[in-house]
Amino acid sequence: GLVQAGASLRLSCVASGRTMITYNMGWFRQAPGRER
């Protein structure tokens, strides 16, 4: 979402299709003009 500097957010990621219990998980980000 759109927030002001100093605010907080909580992102969620739900996996489906098979259990994720054996998977390593992570978060990446990509800003305009920059690599992921």
ModelCIF file with pLDDT and N, C-alpha, C, O atoms, coordinates in Angstrom:
data_MODEL
#
_entry.id   MODEL 
#
_entity.id                         1 
_entity.type                       polymer 
_entity.pdbx_number_of_molecules   1 
#
_entity_poly.entity_id                      1 
_entity_poly.type                           'polypeptide(L)' 
_entity_poly.nstd_linkage                   no 
_entity_poly.nstd_monomer                   no 
_entity_poly.pdbx_seq_one_letter_code       GLVQAGASLRLSCVASGRTMITYNMGWFRQAPGRER 
_entity_poly.pdbx_seq_one_letter_code_can   GLVQAGASLRLSCVASGRTMITYNMGWFRQAPGRER 
_entity_poly.pdbx_strand_id                 A 
#
loop_
_entity_poly_seq.entity_id 
_entity_poly_seq.num 
_entity_poly_seq.mon_id 
_entity_poly_seq.hetero 
1 1  GLY n 
1 2  LEU n 
1 3  VAL n 
1 4  GLN n 
1 5  ALA n 
1 6  GLY n 
1 7  ALA n 
1 8  SER n 
1 9  LEU n 
1 10 ARG n 
1 11 LEU n 
1 12 SER n 
1 13 CYS n 
1 14 VAL n 
1 15 ALA n 
1 16 SER n 
1 17 GLY n 
1 18 ARG n 
1 19 THR n 
1 20 MET n 
1 21 ILE n 
1 22 THR n 
1 23 TYR n 
1 24 ASN n 
1 25 MET n 
1 26 GLY n 
1 27 TRP n 
1 28 PHE n 
1 29 ARG n 
1 30 GLN n 
1 31 ALA n 
1 32 PRO n 
1 33 GLY n 
1 34 ARG n 
1 35 GLU n 
1 36 ARG n 
#
_struct_asym.id          A 
_struct_asym.entity_id   1 
#
loop_
_ma_qa_metric.id 
_ma_qa_metric.mode 
_ma_qa_metric.name 
_ma_qa_metric.software_group_id 
_ma_qa_metric.type 
1 global pLDDT . pLDDT 
2 local  pLDDT . pLDDT 
#
_ma_qa_metric_global.metric_id      1 
_ma_qa_metric_global.metric_value   92.75 
_ma_qa_metric_global.model_id       1 
_ma_qa_metric_global.ordinal_id     1 
#
loop_
_ma_qa_metric_local.label_asym_id 
_ma_qa_metric_local.label_comp_id 
_ma_qa_metric_local.label_seq_id 
_ma_qa_metric_local.metric_id 
_ma_qa_metric_local.metric_value 
_ma_qa_metric_local.model_id 
_ma_qa_metric_local.ordinal_id 
A GLY 1  2 98.00 1 1  
A LEU 2  2 98.00 1 2  
A VAL 3  2 98.00 1 3  
A GLN 4  2 98.00 1 4  
A ALA 5  2 98.00 1 5  
A GLY 6  2 98.00 1 6  
A ALA 7  2 98.00 1 7  
A SER 8  2 98.00 1 8  
A LEU 9  2 98.00 1 9  
A ARG 10 2 98.00 1 10 
A LEU 11 2 98.00 1 11 
A SER 12 2 98.00 1 12 
A CYS 13 2 97.00 1 13 
A VAL 14 2 95.00 1 14 
A ALA 15 2 92.00 1 15 
A SER 16 2 90.00 1 16 
A GLY 17 2 79.00 1 17 
A ARG 18 2 72.00 1 18 
A THR 19 2 73.00 1 19 
A MET 20 2 70.00 1 20 
A ILE 21 2 73.00 1 21 
A THR 22 2 82.00 1 22 
A TYR 23 2 91.00 1 23 
A ASN 24 2 94.00 1 24 
A MET 25 2 95.00 1 25 
A GLY 26 2 97.00 1 26 
A TRP 27 2 98.00 1 27 
A PHE 28 2 98.00 1 28 
A ARG 29 2 98.00 1 29 
A GLN 30 2 98.00 1 30 
A ALA 31 2 97.00 1 31 
A PRO 32 2 91.00 1 32 
A GLY 33 2 94.00 1 33 
A ARG 34 2 96.00 1 34 
A GLU 35 2 96.00 1 35 
A ARG 36 2 97.00 1 36 
#
loop_
_atom_site.group_PDB 
_atom_site.id 
_atom_site.type_symbol 
_atom_site.label_atom_id 
_atom_site.label_alt_id 
_atom_site.label_comp_id 
_atom_site.label_asym_id 
_atom_site.label_entity_id 
_atom_site.label_seq_id 
_atom_site.pdbx_PDB_ins_code 
_atom_site.Cartn_x 
_atom_site.Cartn_y 
_atom_site.Cartn_z 
_atom_site.occupancy 
_atom_site.B_iso_or_equiv 
_atom_site.pdbx_formal_charge 
_atom_site.auth_seq_id 
_atom_site.auth_comp_id 
_atom_site.auth_asym_id 
_atom_site.auth_atom_id 
_atom_site.pdbx_PDB_model_num 
ATOM 1   N N  . GLY A 1 1  ? 0.814  -1.200  0.000   1.00 98.00 ? 1  GLY A N  1 
ATOM 2   C CA . GLY A 1 1  ? 0.000  0.000   0.000   1.00 98.00 ? 1  GLY A CA 1 
ATOM 3   C C  . GLY A 1 1  ? 0.847  1.249   0.000   1.00 98.00 ? 1  GLY A C  1 
ATOM 4   O O  . GLY A 1 1  ? 2.070  1.189   -0.125  1.00 98.00 ? 1  GLY A O  1 
ATOM 5   N N  . LEU A 1 2  ? 0.176  2.396   0.144   1.00 98.00 ? 2  LEU A N  1 
ATOM 6   C CA . LEU A 1 2  ? 0.819  3.703   0.188   1.00 98.00 ? 2  LEU A CA 1 
ATOM 7   C C  . LEU A 1 2  ? 0.808  4.199   1.624   1.00 98.00 ? 2  LEU A C  1 
ATOM 8   O O  . LEU A 1 2  ? -0.255 4.345   2.226   1.00 98.00 ? 2  LEU A O  1 
ATOM 9   N N  . VAL A 1 3  ? 1.994  4.460   2.177   1.00 98.00 ? 3  VAL A N  1 
ATOM 10  C CA . VAL A 1 3  ? 2.122  4.911   3.557   1.00 98.00 ? 3  VAL A CA 1 
ATOM 11  C C  . VAL A 1 3  ? 3.146  6.029   3.643   1.00 98.00 ? 3  VAL A C  1 
ATOM 12  O O  . VAL A 1 3  ? 3.929  6.246   2.718   1.00 98.00 ? 3  VAL A O  1 
ATOM 13  N N  . GLN A 1 4  ? 3.131  6.738   4.770   1.00 98.00 ? 4  GLN A N  1 
ATOM 14  C CA . GLN A 1 4  ? 4.104  7.785   5.025   1.00 98.00 ? 4  GLN A CA 1 
ATOM 15  C C  . GLN A 1 4  ? 5.370  7.204   5.649   1.00 98.00 ? 4  GLN A C  1 
ATOM 16  O O  . GLN A 1 4  ? 5.342  6.131   6.252   1.00 98.00 ? 4  GLN A O  1 
ATOM 17  N N  . ALA A 1 5  ? 6.464  7.917   5.497   1.00 98.00 ? 5  ALA A N  1 
ATOM 18  C CA . ALA A 1 5  ? 7.708  7.513   6.144   1.00 98.00 ? 5  ALA A CA 1 
ATOM 19  C C  . ALA A 1 5  ? 7.493  7.333   7.640   1.00 98.00 ? 5  ALA A C  1 
ATOM 20  O O  . ALA A 1 5  ? 6.830  8.145   8.285   1.00 98.00 ? 5  ALA A O  1 
ATOM 21  N N  . GLY A 1 6  ? 8.058  6.267   8.182   1.00 98.00 ? 6  GLY A N  1 
ATOM 22  C CA . GLY A 1 6  ? 7.909  5.948   9.585   1.00 98.00 ? 6  GLY A CA 1 
ATOM 23  C C  . GLY A 1 6  ? 6.782  4.989   9.892   1.00 98.00 ? 6  GLY A C  1 
ATOM 24  O O  . GLY A 1 6  ? 6.704  4.468   11.005  1.00 98.00 ? 6  GLY A O  1 
ATOM 25  N N  . ALA A 1 7  ? 5.902  4.743   8.930   1.00 98.00 ? 7  ALA A N  1 
ATOM 26  C CA . ALA A 1 7  ? 4.770  3.849   9.128   1.00 98.00 ? 7  ALA A CA 1 
ATOM 27  C C  . ALA A 1 7  ? 5.192  2.389   9.001   1.00 98.00 ? 7  ALA A C  1 
ATOM 28  O O  . ALA A 1 7  ? 6.347  2.083   8.703   1.00 98.00 ? 7  ALA A O  1 
ATOM 29  N N  . SER A 1 8  ? 4.236  1.497   9.233   1.00 98.00 ? 8  SER A N  1 
ATOM 30  C CA . SER A 1 8  ? 4.477  0.062   9.168   1.00 98.00 ? 8  SER A CA 1 
ATOM 31  C C  . SER A 1 8  ? 3.497  -0.612  8.230   1.00 98.00 ? 8  SER A C  1 
ATOM 32  O O  . SER A 1 8  ? 2.380  -0.135  8.029   1.00 98.00 ? 8  SER A O  1 
ATOM 33  N N  . LEU A 1 9  ? 3.923  -1.720  7.661   1.00 98.00 ? 9  LEU A N  1 
ATOM 34  C CA . LEU A 1 9  ? 3.082  -2.586  6.850   1.00 98.00 ? 9  LEU A CA 1 
ATOM 35  C C  . LEU A 1 9  ? 3.432  -4.030  7.170   1.00 98.00 ? 9  LEU A C  1 
ATOM 36  O O  . LEU A 1 9  ? 4.536  -4.331  7.624   1.00 98.00 ? 9  LEU A O  1 
ATOM 37  N N  . ARG A 1 10 ? 2.483  -4.908  6.928   1.00 98.00 ? 10 ARG A N  1 
ATOM 38  C CA . ARG A 1 10 ? 2.724  -6.334  7.062   1.00 98.00 ? 10 ARG A CA 1 
ATOM 39  C C  . ARG A 1 10 ? 2.337  -7.023  5.763   1.00 98.00 ? 10 ARG A C  1 
ATOM 40  O O  . ARG A 1 10 ? 1.170  -7.010  5.372   1.00 98.00 ? 10 ARG A O  1 
ATOM 41  N N  . LEU A 1 11 ? 3.301  -7.614  5.103   1.00 98.00 ? 11 LEU A N  1 
ATOM 42  C CA . LEU A 1 11 ? 3.066  -8.339  3.872   1.00 98.00 ? 11 LEU A CA 1 
ATOM 43  C C  . LEU A 1 11 ? 2.856  -9.815  4.170   1.00 98.00 ? 11 LEU A C  1 
ATOM 44  O O  . LEU A 1 11 ? 3.488  -10.375 5.065   1.00 98.00 ? 11 LEU A O  1 
ATOM 45  N N  . SER A 1 12 ? 1.962  -10.439 3.412   1.00 98.00 ? 12 SER A N  1 
ATOM 46  C CA . SER A 1 12 ? 1.692  -11.860 3.556   1.00 98.00 ? 12 SER A CA 1 
ATOM 47  C C  . SER A 1 12 ? 1.861  -12.546 2.209   1.00 98.00 ? 12 SER A C  1 
ATOM 48  O O  . SER A 1 12 ? 1.614  -11.951 1.160   1.00 98.00 ? 12 SER A O  1 
ATOM 49  N N  . CYS A 1 13 ? 2.280  -13.789 2.249   1.00 97.00 ? 13 CYS A N  1 
ATOM 50  C CA . CYS A 1 13 ? 2.414  -14.611 1.059   1.00 97.00 ? 13 CYS A CA 1 
ATOM 51  C C  . CYS A 1 13 ? 1.852  -15.986 1.375   1.00 97.00 ? 13 CYS A C  1 
ATOM 52  O O  . CYS A 1 13 ? 2.354  -16.683 2.257   1.00 97.00 ? 13 CYS A O  1 
ATOM 53  N N  . VAL A 1 14 ? 0.809  -16.372 0.652   1.00 95.00 ? 14 VAL A N  1 
ATOM 54  C CA . VAL A 1 14 ? 0.170  -17.664 0.843   1.00 95.00 ? 14 VAL A CA 1 
ATOM 55  C C  . VAL A 1 14 ? 0.578  -18.594 -0.284  1.00 95.00 ? 14 VAL A C  1 
ATOM 56  O O  . VAL A 1 14 ? 0.451  -18.247 -1.458  1.00 95.00 ? 14 VAL A O  1 
ATOM 57  N N  . ALA A 1 15 ? 1.062  -19.760 0.067   1.00 92.00 ? 15 ALA A N  1 
ATOM 58  C CA . ALA A 1 15 ? 1.469  -20.759 -0.911  1.00 92.00 ? 15 ALA A CA 1 
ATOM 59  C C  . ALA A 1 15 ? 0.377  -21.798 -1.088  1.00 92.00 ? 15 ALA A C  1 
ATOM 60  O O  . ALA A 1 15 ? -0.276 -22.196 -0.123  1.00 92.00 ? 15 ALA A O  1 
ATOM 61  N N  . SER A 1 16 ? 0.184  -22.232 -2.318  1.00 90.00 ? 16 SER A N  1 
ATOM 62  C CA . SER A 1 16 ? -0.792 -23.268 -2.615  1.00 90.00 ? 16 SER A CA 1 
ATOM 63  C C  . SER A 1 16 ? -0.216 -24.231 -3.646  1.00 90.00 ? 16 SER A C  1 
ATOM 64  O O  . SER A 1 16 ? 0.814  -23.957 -4.263  1.00 90.00 ? 16 SER A O  1 
ATOM 65  N N  . GLY A 1 17 ? -0.888 -25.354 -3.822  1.00 79.00 ? 17 GLY A N  1 
ATOM 66  C CA . GLY A 1 17 ? -0.447 -26.355 -4.790  1.00 79.00 ? 17 GLY A CA 1 
ATOM 67  C C  . GLY A 1 17 ? 0.257  -27.538 -4.145  1.00 79.00 ? 17 GLY A C  1 
ATOM 68  O O  . GLY A 1 17 ? 0.056  -28.686 -4.543  1.00 79.00 ? 17 GLY A O  1 
ATOM 69  N N  . ARG A 1 18 ? 1.064  -27.255 -3.170  1.00 72.00 ? 18 ARG A N  1 
ATOM 70  C CA . ARG A 1 18 ? 1.736  -28.272 -2.377  1.00 72.00 ? 18 ARG A CA 1 
ATOM 71  C C  . ARG A 1 18 ? 2.226  -27.632 -1.097  1.00 72.00 ? 18 ARG A C  1 
ATOM 72  O O  . ARG A 1 18 ? 2.314  -26.407 -1.008  1.00 72.00 ? 18 ARG A O  1 
ATOM 73  N N  . THR A 1 19 ? 2.542  -28.428 -0.122  1.00 73.00 ? 19 THR A N  1 
ATOM 74  C CA . THR A 1 19 ? 3.018  -27.882 1.139   1.00 73.00 ? 19 THR A CA 1 
ATOM 75  C C  . THR A 1 19 ? 4.330  -27.144 0.950   1.00 73.00 ? 19 THR A C  1 
ATOM 76  O O  . THR A 1 19 ? 5.169  -27.552 0.147   1.00 73.00 ? 19 THR A O  1 
ATOM 77  N N  . MET A 1 20 ? 4.506  -26.058 1.688   1.00 70.00 ? 20 MET A N  1 
ATOM 78  C CA . MET A 1 20 ? 5.745  -25.296 1.635   1.00 70.00 ? 20 MET A CA 1 
ATOM 79  C C  . MET A 1 20 ? 6.655  -25.602 2.805   1.00 70.00 ? 20 MET A C  1 
ATOM 80  O O  . MET A 1 20 ? 7.662  -24.920 2.996   1.00 70.00 ? 20 MET A O  1 
ATOM 81  N N  . ILE A 1 21 ? 6.324  -26.603 3.584   1.00 73.00 ? 21 ILE A N  1 
ATOM 82  C CA . ILE A 1 21 ? 7.052  -26.859 4.818   1.00 73.00 ? 21 ILE A CA 1 
ATOM 83  C C  . ILE A 1 21 ? 8.527  -27.161 4.558   1.00 73.00 ? 21 ILE A C  1 
ATOM 84  O O  . ILE A 1 21 ? 9.370  -26.864 5.405   1.00 73.00 ? 21 ILE A O  1 
ATOM 85  N N  . THR A 1 22 ? 8.854  -27.744 3.403   1.00 82.00 ? 22 THR A N  1 
ATOM 86  C CA . THR A 1 22 ? 10.241 -28.073 3.082   1.00 82.00 ? 22 THR A CA 1 
ATOM 87  C C  . THR A 1 22 ? 10.933 -27.014 2.244   1.00 82.00 ? 22 THR A C  1 
ATOM 88  O O  . THR A 1 22 ? 12.075 -27.213 1.830   1.00 82.00 ? 22 THR A O  1 
ATOM 89  N N  . TYR A 1 23 ? 10.273 -25.890 1.980   1.00 91.00 ? 23 TYR A N  1 
ATOM 90  C CA . TYR A 1 23 ? 10.820 -24.845 1.129   1.00 91.00 ? 23 TYR A CA 1 
ATOM 91  C C  . TYR A 1 23 ? 11.499 -23.755 1.945   1.00 91.00 ? 23 TYR A C  1 
ATOM 92  O O  . TYR A 1 23 ? 11.012 -23.357 3.003   1.00 91.00 ? 23 TYR A O  1 
ATOM 93  N N  . ASN A 1 24 ? 12.638 -23.277 1.434   1.00 94.00 ? 24 ASN A N  1 
ATOM 94  C CA . ASN A 1 24 ? 13.171 -22.006 1.892   1.00 94.00 ? 24 ASN A CA 1 
ATOM 95  C C  . ASN A 1 24 ? 12.331 -20.896 1.259   1.00 94.00 ? 24 ASN A C  1 
ATOM 96  O O  . ASN A 1 24 ? 11.959 -20.983 0.089   1.00 94.00 ? 24 ASN A O  1 
ATOM 97  N N  . MET A 1 25 ? 12.036 -19.858 2.033   1.00 95.00 ? 25 MET A N  1 
ATOM 98  C CA . MET A 1 25 ? 11.181 -18.769 1.563   1.00 95.00 ? 25 MET A CA 1 
ATOM 99  C C  . MET A 1 25 ? 11.908 -17.441 1.688   1.00 95.00 ? 25 MET A C  1 
ATOM 100 O O  . MET A 1 25 ? 12.846 -17.306 2.474   1.00 95.00 ? 25 MET A O  1 
ATOM 101 N N  . GLY A 1 26 ? 11.468 -16.465 0.909   1.00 97.00 ? 26 GLY A N  1 
ATOM 102 C CA . GLY A 1 26 ? 12.097 -15.167 0.989   1.00 97.00 ? 26 GLY A CA 1 
ATOM 103 C C  . GLY A 1 26 ? 11.263 -14.071 0.377   1.00 97.00 ? 26 GLY A C  1 
ATOM 104 O O  . GLY A 1 26 ? 10.245 -14.315 -0.270  1.00 97.00 ? 26 GLY A O  1 
ATOM 105 N N  . TRP A 1 27 ? 11.723 -12.853 0.600   1.00 98.00 ? 27 TRP A N  1 
ATOM 106 C CA . TRP A 1 27 ? 11.140 -11.662 0.002   1.00 98.00 ? 27 TRP A CA 1 
ATOM 107 C C  . TRP A 1 27 ? 12.220 -10.911 -0.764  1.00 98.00 ? 27 TRP A C  1 
ATOM 108 O O  . TRP A 1 27 ? 13.315 -10.682 -0.250  1.00 98.00 ? 27 TRP A O  1 
ATOM 109 N N  . PHE A 1 28 ? 11.902 -10.532 -1.990  1.00 98.00 ? 28 PHE A N  1 
ATOM 110 C CA . PHE A 1 28 ? 12.738 -9.683  -2.812  1.00 98.00 ? 28 PHE A CA 1 
ATOM 111 C C  . PHE A 1 28 ? 11.982 -8.398  -3.103  1.00 98.00 ? 28 PHE A C  1 
ATOM 112 O O  . PHE A 1 28 ? 10.770 -8.323  -2.900  1.00 98.00 ? 28 PHE A O  1 
ATOM 113 N N  . ARG A 1 29 ? 12.699 -7.390  -3.578  1.00 98.00 ? 29 ARG A N  1 
ATOM 114 C CA . ARG A 1 29 ? 12.036 -6.162  -3.996  1.00 98.00 ? 29 ARG A CA 1 
ATOM 115 C C  . ARG A 1 29 ? 12.737 -5.597  -5.219  1.00 98.00 ? 29 ARG A C  1 
ATOM 116 O O  . ARG A 1 29 ? 13.927 -5.827  -5.439  1.00 98.00 ? 29 ARG A O  1 
ATOM 117 N N  . GLN A 1 30 ? 11.976 -4.855  -6.007  1.00 98.00 ? 30 GLN A N  1 
ATOM 118 C CA . GLN A 1 30 ? 12.508 -4.244  -7.213  1.00 98.00 ? 30 GLN A CA 1 
ATOM 119 C C  . GLN A 1 30 ? 11.913 -2.861  -7.381  1.00 98.00 ? 30 GLN A C  1 
ATOM 120 O O  . GLN A 1 30 ? 10.700 -2.709  -7.527  1.00 98.00 ? 30 GLN A O  1 
ATOM 121 N N  . ALA A 1 31 ? 12.771 -1.854  -7.360  1.00 97.00 ? 31 ALA A N  1 
ATOM 122 C CA . ALA A 1 31 ? 12.374 -0.473  -7.580  1.00 97.00 ? 31 ALA A CA 1 
ATOM 123 C C  . ALA A 1 31 ? 12.579 -0.123  -9.050  1.00 97.00 ? 31 ALA A C  1 
ATOM 124 O O  . ALA A 1 31 ? 13.377 -0.768  -9.730  1.00 97.00 ? 31 ALA A O  1 
ATOM 125 N N  . PRO A 1 32 ? 11.870 0.890   -9.550  1.00 91.00 ? 32 PRO A N  1 
ATOM 126 C CA . PRO A 1 32 ? 12.043 1.284   -10.947 1.00 91.00 ? 32 PRO A CA 1 
ATOM 127 C C  . PRO A 1 32 ? 13.501 1.598   -11.273 1.00 91.00 ? 32 PRO A C  1 
ATOM 128 O O  . PRO A 1 32 ? 14.160 2.338   -10.543 1.00 91.00 ? 32 PRO A O  1 
ATOM 129 N N  . GLY A 1 33 ? 13.996 1.038   -12.361 1.00 94.00 ? 33 GLY A N  1 
ATOM 130 C CA . GLY A 1 33 ? 15.353 1.288   -12.794 1.00 94.00 ? 33 GLY A CA 1 
ATOM 131 C C  . GLY A 1 33 ? 16.417 0.533   -12.032 1.00 94.00 ? 33 GLY A C  1 
ATOM 132 O O  . GLY A 1 33 ? 17.607 0.748   -12.264 1.00 94.00 ? 33 GLY A O  1 
ATOM 133 N N  . ARG A 1 34 ? 16.020 -0.347  -11.129 1.00 96.00 ? 34 ARG A N  1 
ATOM 134 C CA . ARG A 1 34 ? 16.982 -1.114  -10.349 1.00 96.00 ? 34 ARG A CA 1 
ATOM 135 C C  . ARG A 1 34 ? 16.724 -2.604  -10.507 1.00 96.00 ? 34 ARG A C  1 
ATOM 136 O O  . ARG A 1 34 ? 15.628 -3.022  -10.882 1.00 96.00 ? 34 ARG A O  1 
ATOM 137 N N  . GLU A 1 35 ? 17.740 -3.393  -10.218 1.00 96.00 ? 35 GLU A N  1 
ATOM 138 C CA . GLU A 1 35 ? 17.603 -4.839  -10.313 1.00 96.00 ? 35 GLU A CA 1 
ATOM 139 C C  . GLU A 1 35 ? 16.869 -5.388  -9.103  1.00 96.00 ? 35 GLU A C  1 
ATOM 140 O O  . GLU A 1 35 ? 16.830 -4.758  -8.046  1.00 96.00 ? 35 GLU A O  1 
ATOM 141 N N  . ARG A 1 36 ? 16.287 -6.570  -9.270  1.00 97.00 ? 36 ARG A N  1 
ATOM 142 C CA . ARG A 1 36 ? 15.605 -7.215  -8.164  1.00 97.00 ? 36 ARG A CA 1 
ATOM 143 C C  . ARG A 1 36 ? 16.630 -7.664  -7.123  1.00 97.00 ? 36 ARG A C  1 
ATOM 144 O O  . ARG A 1 36 ? 16.258 -8.237  -6.098  1.00 97.00 ? 36 ARG A O  1 
#
